[in-house]
């Protein structure tokens, strides 16, 4: 009844957007949801080259765990 989609791509026109669309467009699946679909994606910015900045842009364990906690509330 809950879904969290983690994707290293940005939120626009990526796999997470397509999966979220499929889930919400199917009536039976949508009605089974107990919480809104939560996407944990890269920030909508140009991908940086530096490792420190990459760590900020891409989803990590903490961001994914936060998304999971959000849908479990």
N, C-alpha and C. Protein backbone atom coordinates (compact mmCIF):
# COMPACT_ATOMS: atom_id res chain seq x y z
N UNK A 1 0.80 -1.21 0.00
CA UNK A 1 0.00 0.00 0.00
C UNK A 1 0.83 1.26 0.00
N UNK A 2 2.15 1.12 0.01
CA UNK A 2 3.02 2.29 -0.01
C UNK A 2 4.13 2.06 -1.02
N UNK A 3 4.60 3.15 -1.64
CA UNK A 3 5.68 3.01 -2.62
C UNK A 3 6.65 4.16 -2.49
N UNK A 4 7.94 3.82 -2.46
CA UNK A 4 9.03 4.79 -2.51
C UNK A 4 9.87 4.41 -3.72
N UNK A 5 10.11 5.38 -4.59
CA UNK A 5 10.89 5.13 -5.79
C UNK A 5 12.20 5.91 -5.67
N UNK A 6 13.32 5.20 -5.64
CA UNK A 6 14.64 5.83 -5.59
C UNK A 6 15.25 5.79 -6.98
N UNK A 7 15.76 6.93 -7.43
CA UNK A 7 16.29 7.03 -8.78
C UNK A 7 17.44 8.03 -8.79
N UNK A 8 18.55 7.68 -9.42
CA UNK A 8 19.69 8.57 -9.51
C UNK A 8 19.49 9.67 -10.54
N UNK A 9 18.47 9.56 -11.35
CA UNK A 9 18.16 10.61 -12.32
C UNK A 9 17.33 11.70 -11.63
N UNK A 10 17.20 12.82 -12.30
CA UNK A 10 16.36 13.90 -11.78
C UNK A 10 14.90 13.51 -11.83
N UNK A 11 14.04 14.30 -11.18
CA UNK A 11 12.63 13.94 -11.10
C UNK A 11 11.83 14.11 -12.39
N UNK A 12 12.36 14.87 -13.35
CA UNK A 12 11.62 15.14 -14.57
C UNK A 12 11.97 14.14 -15.66
N UNK A 13 10.96 13.49 -16.21
CA UNK A 13 11.09 12.60 -17.37
C UNK A 13 12.04 11.44 -17.15
N UNK A 14 12.18 10.99 -15.92
CA UNK A 14 13.03 9.84 -15.64
C UNK A 14 12.22 8.60 -15.34
N UNK A 15 12.89 7.56 -14.94
CA UNK A 15 12.22 6.31 -14.61
C UNK A 15 11.26 6.48 -13.45
N UNK A 16 11.65 7.28 -12.46
CA UNK A 16 10.76 7.47 -11.30
C UNK A 16 9.45 8.15 -11.69
N UNK A 17 9.52 9.08 -12.61
CA UNK A 17 8.31 9.75 -13.07
C UNK A 17 7.39 8.78 -13.81
N UNK A 18 7.99 7.93 -14.62
CA UNK A 18 7.19 6.95 -15.38
C UNK A 18 6.56 5.92 -14.46
N UNK A 19 7.32 5.44 -13.48
CA UNK A 19 6.78 4.46 -12.53
C UNK A 19 5.65 5.09 -11.72
N UNK A 20 5.85 6.32 -11.25
CA UNK A 20 4.81 7.01 -10.49
C UNK A 20 3.55 7.20 -11.33
N UNK A 21 3.73 7.53 -12.60
CA UNK A 21 2.58 7.69 -13.49
C UNK A 21 1.83 6.38 -13.67
N UNK A 22 2.56 5.31 -13.89
CA UNK A 22 1.92 4.00 -14.05
C UNK A 22 1.13 3.60 -12.81
N UNK A 23 1.70 3.83 -11.65
CA UNK A 23 1.03 3.46 -10.40
C UNK A 23 -0.24 4.28 -10.19
N UNK A 24 -0.16 5.58 -10.45
CA UNK A 24 -1.32 6.43 -10.19
C UNK A 24 -2.37 6.36 -11.29
N UNK A 25 -2.01 5.94 -12.48
CA UNK A 25 -2.98 5.83 -13.57
C UNK A 25 -3.81 4.55 -13.50
N UNK A 26 -3.29 3.53 -12.83
CA UNK A 26 -4.03 2.28 -12.68
C UNK A 26 -4.96 2.41 -11.48
N UNK A 27 -6.26 2.40 -11.73
CA UNK A 27 -7.26 2.66 -10.69
C UNK A 27 -7.12 1.73 -9.49
N UNK A 28 -6.99 0.44 -9.75
CA UNK A 28 -6.91 -0.54 -8.66
C UNK A 28 -5.66 -0.32 -7.80
N UNK A 29 -4.55 -0.07 -8.45
CA UNK A 29 -3.31 0.18 -7.70
C UNK A 29 -3.40 1.48 -6.92
N UNK A 30 -3.92 2.52 -7.56
CA UNK A 30 -4.04 3.82 -6.90
C UNK A 30 -4.93 3.72 -5.66
N UNK A 31 -6.03 3.01 -5.77
CA UNK A 31 -6.94 2.88 -4.64
C UNK A 31 -6.32 2.07 -3.49
N UNK A 32 -5.35 1.22 -3.79
CA UNK A 32 -4.69 0.42 -2.76
C UNK A 32 -3.63 1.21 -1.99
N UNK A 33 -3.25 2.37 -2.50
CA UNK A 33 -2.22 3.16 -1.83
C UNK A 33 -2.72 3.72 -0.51
N UNK A 34 -1.89 3.63 0.51
CA UNK A 34 -2.21 4.18 1.82
C UNK A 34 -1.53 5.53 2.04
N UNK A 35 -0.65 5.90 1.12
CA UNK A 35 0.09 7.16 1.20
C UNK A 35 0.44 7.59 -0.22
N UNK A 36 0.71 8.88 -0.42
CA UNK A 36 1.13 9.32 -1.75
C UNK A 36 2.44 8.65 -2.17
N UNK A 37 2.63 8.50 -3.46
CA UNK A 37 3.89 7.97 -3.99
C UNK A 37 5.01 8.94 -3.60
N UNK A 38 6.10 8.40 -3.10
CA UNK A 38 7.24 9.22 -2.70
C UNK A 38 8.41 8.91 -3.63
N UNK A 39 8.93 9.95 -4.28
CA UNK A 39 10.11 9.76 -5.14
C UNK A 39 11.33 10.37 -4.46
N UNK A 40 12.42 9.66 -4.46
CA UNK A 40 13.69 10.15 -3.94
C UNK A 40 14.64 10.17 -5.13
N UNK A 41 14.87 11.35 -5.68
CA UNK A 41 15.62 11.50 -6.92
C UNK A 41 16.81 12.44 -6.71
N UNK A 42 17.64 12.52 -7.76
CA UNK A 42 18.70 13.52 -7.77
C UNK A 42 18.04 14.90 -7.83
N UNK A 43 18.74 15.89 -7.34
CA UNK A 43 18.22 17.25 -7.43
C UNK A 43 18.13 17.67 -8.89
N UNK A 44 17.23 18.58 -9.18
CA UNK A 44 17.02 19.06 -10.55
C UNK A 44 18.06 20.14 -10.87
N UNK A 45 19.30 19.71 -10.96
CA UNK A 45 20.43 20.61 -11.25
C UNK A 45 21.37 19.90 -12.21
N UNK A 46 22.27 20.64 -12.87
CA UNK A 46 23.29 19.95 -13.67
C UNK A 46 24.14 19.06 -12.76
N UNK A 47 24.50 17.90 -13.22
CA UNK A 47 25.26 16.95 -12.41
C UNK A 47 26.70 17.48 -12.25
N UNK A 48 27.13 17.65 -11.00
CA UNK A 48 28.48 18.18 -10.76
C UNK A 48 29.55 17.11 -10.94
N UNK A 49 30.78 17.55 -11.06
CA UNK A 49 31.90 16.63 -11.22
C UNK A 49 32.54 16.27 -9.88
N UNK A 50 32.55 17.19 -8.94
CA UNK A 50 33.22 16.96 -7.66
C UNK A 50 32.48 15.96 -6.78
N UNK A 51 33.21 15.02 -6.16
CA UNK A 51 32.58 14.01 -5.31
C UNK A 51 31.74 14.60 -4.18
N UNK A 52 32.20 15.67 -3.55
CA UNK A 52 31.43 16.28 -2.47
C UNK A 52 30.10 16.81 -2.95
N UNK A 53 30.11 17.44 -4.12
CA UNK A 53 28.86 17.95 -4.68
C UNK A 53 27.97 16.82 -5.17
N UNK A 54 28.58 15.77 -5.72
CA UNK A 54 27.79 14.61 -6.16
C UNK A 54 27.04 14.01 -4.97
N UNK A 55 27.71 13.92 -3.84
CA UNK A 55 27.07 13.38 -2.64
C UNK A 55 25.85 14.19 -2.24
N UNK A 56 25.88 15.48 -2.50
CA UNK A 56 24.74 16.34 -2.17
C UNK A 56 23.60 16.18 -3.17
N UNK A 57 23.92 15.94 -4.43
CA UNK A 57 22.92 15.91 -5.49
C UNK A 57 22.17 14.58 -5.57
N UNK A 58 22.90 13.47 -5.44
CA UNK A 58 22.29 12.16 -5.62
C UNK A 58 21.63 11.64 -4.34
N UNK A 59 20.60 10.81 -4.49
CA UNK A 59 19.99 10.20 -3.30
C UNK A 59 20.98 9.29 -2.59
N UNK A 60 20.87 9.24 -1.29
CA UNK A 60 21.72 8.35 -0.50
C UNK A 60 20.85 7.61 0.50
N UNK A 61 21.47 6.80 1.35
CA UNK A 61 20.70 6.02 2.33
C UNK A 61 19.83 6.89 3.20
N UNK A 62 20.38 8.01 3.65
CA UNK A 62 19.62 8.88 4.55
C UNK A 62 18.39 9.46 3.86
N UNK A 63 18.56 9.91 2.62
CA UNK A 63 17.43 10.48 1.88
C UNK A 63 16.37 9.42 1.58
N UNK A 64 16.82 8.22 1.24
CA UNK A 64 15.87 7.13 0.97
C UNK A 64 15.14 6.73 2.25
N UNK A 65 15.88 6.63 3.35
CA UNK A 65 15.25 6.30 4.64
C UNK A 65 14.24 7.37 5.04
N UNK A 66 14.55 8.63 4.78
CA UNK A 66 13.61 9.71 5.09
C UNK A 66 12.34 9.57 4.25
N UNK A 67 12.48 9.18 2.97
CA UNK A 67 11.32 8.95 2.11
C UNK A 67 10.47 7.80 2.62
N UNK A 68 11.11 6.76 3.11
CA UNK A 68 10.38 5.62 3.66
C UNK A 68 9.63 6.03 4.92
N UNK A 69 10.32 6.76 5.81
CA UNK A 69 9.64 7.23 7.03
C UNK A 69 8.43 8.11 6.70
N UNK A 70 8.57 8.93 5.65
CA UNK A 70 7.47 9.82 5.27
C UNK A 70 6.22 9.03 4.86
N UNK A 71 6.39 7.98 4.06
CA UNK A 71 5.22 7.23 3.63
C UNK A 71 4.65 6.34 4.74
N UNK A 72 5.46 6.08 5.77
CA UNK A 72 4.99 5.22 6.87
C UNK A 72 4.24 6.01 7.96
N UNK A 73 4.29 7.34 7.89
CA UNK A 73 3.58 8.17 8.89
C UNK A 73 2.09 8.02 8.79
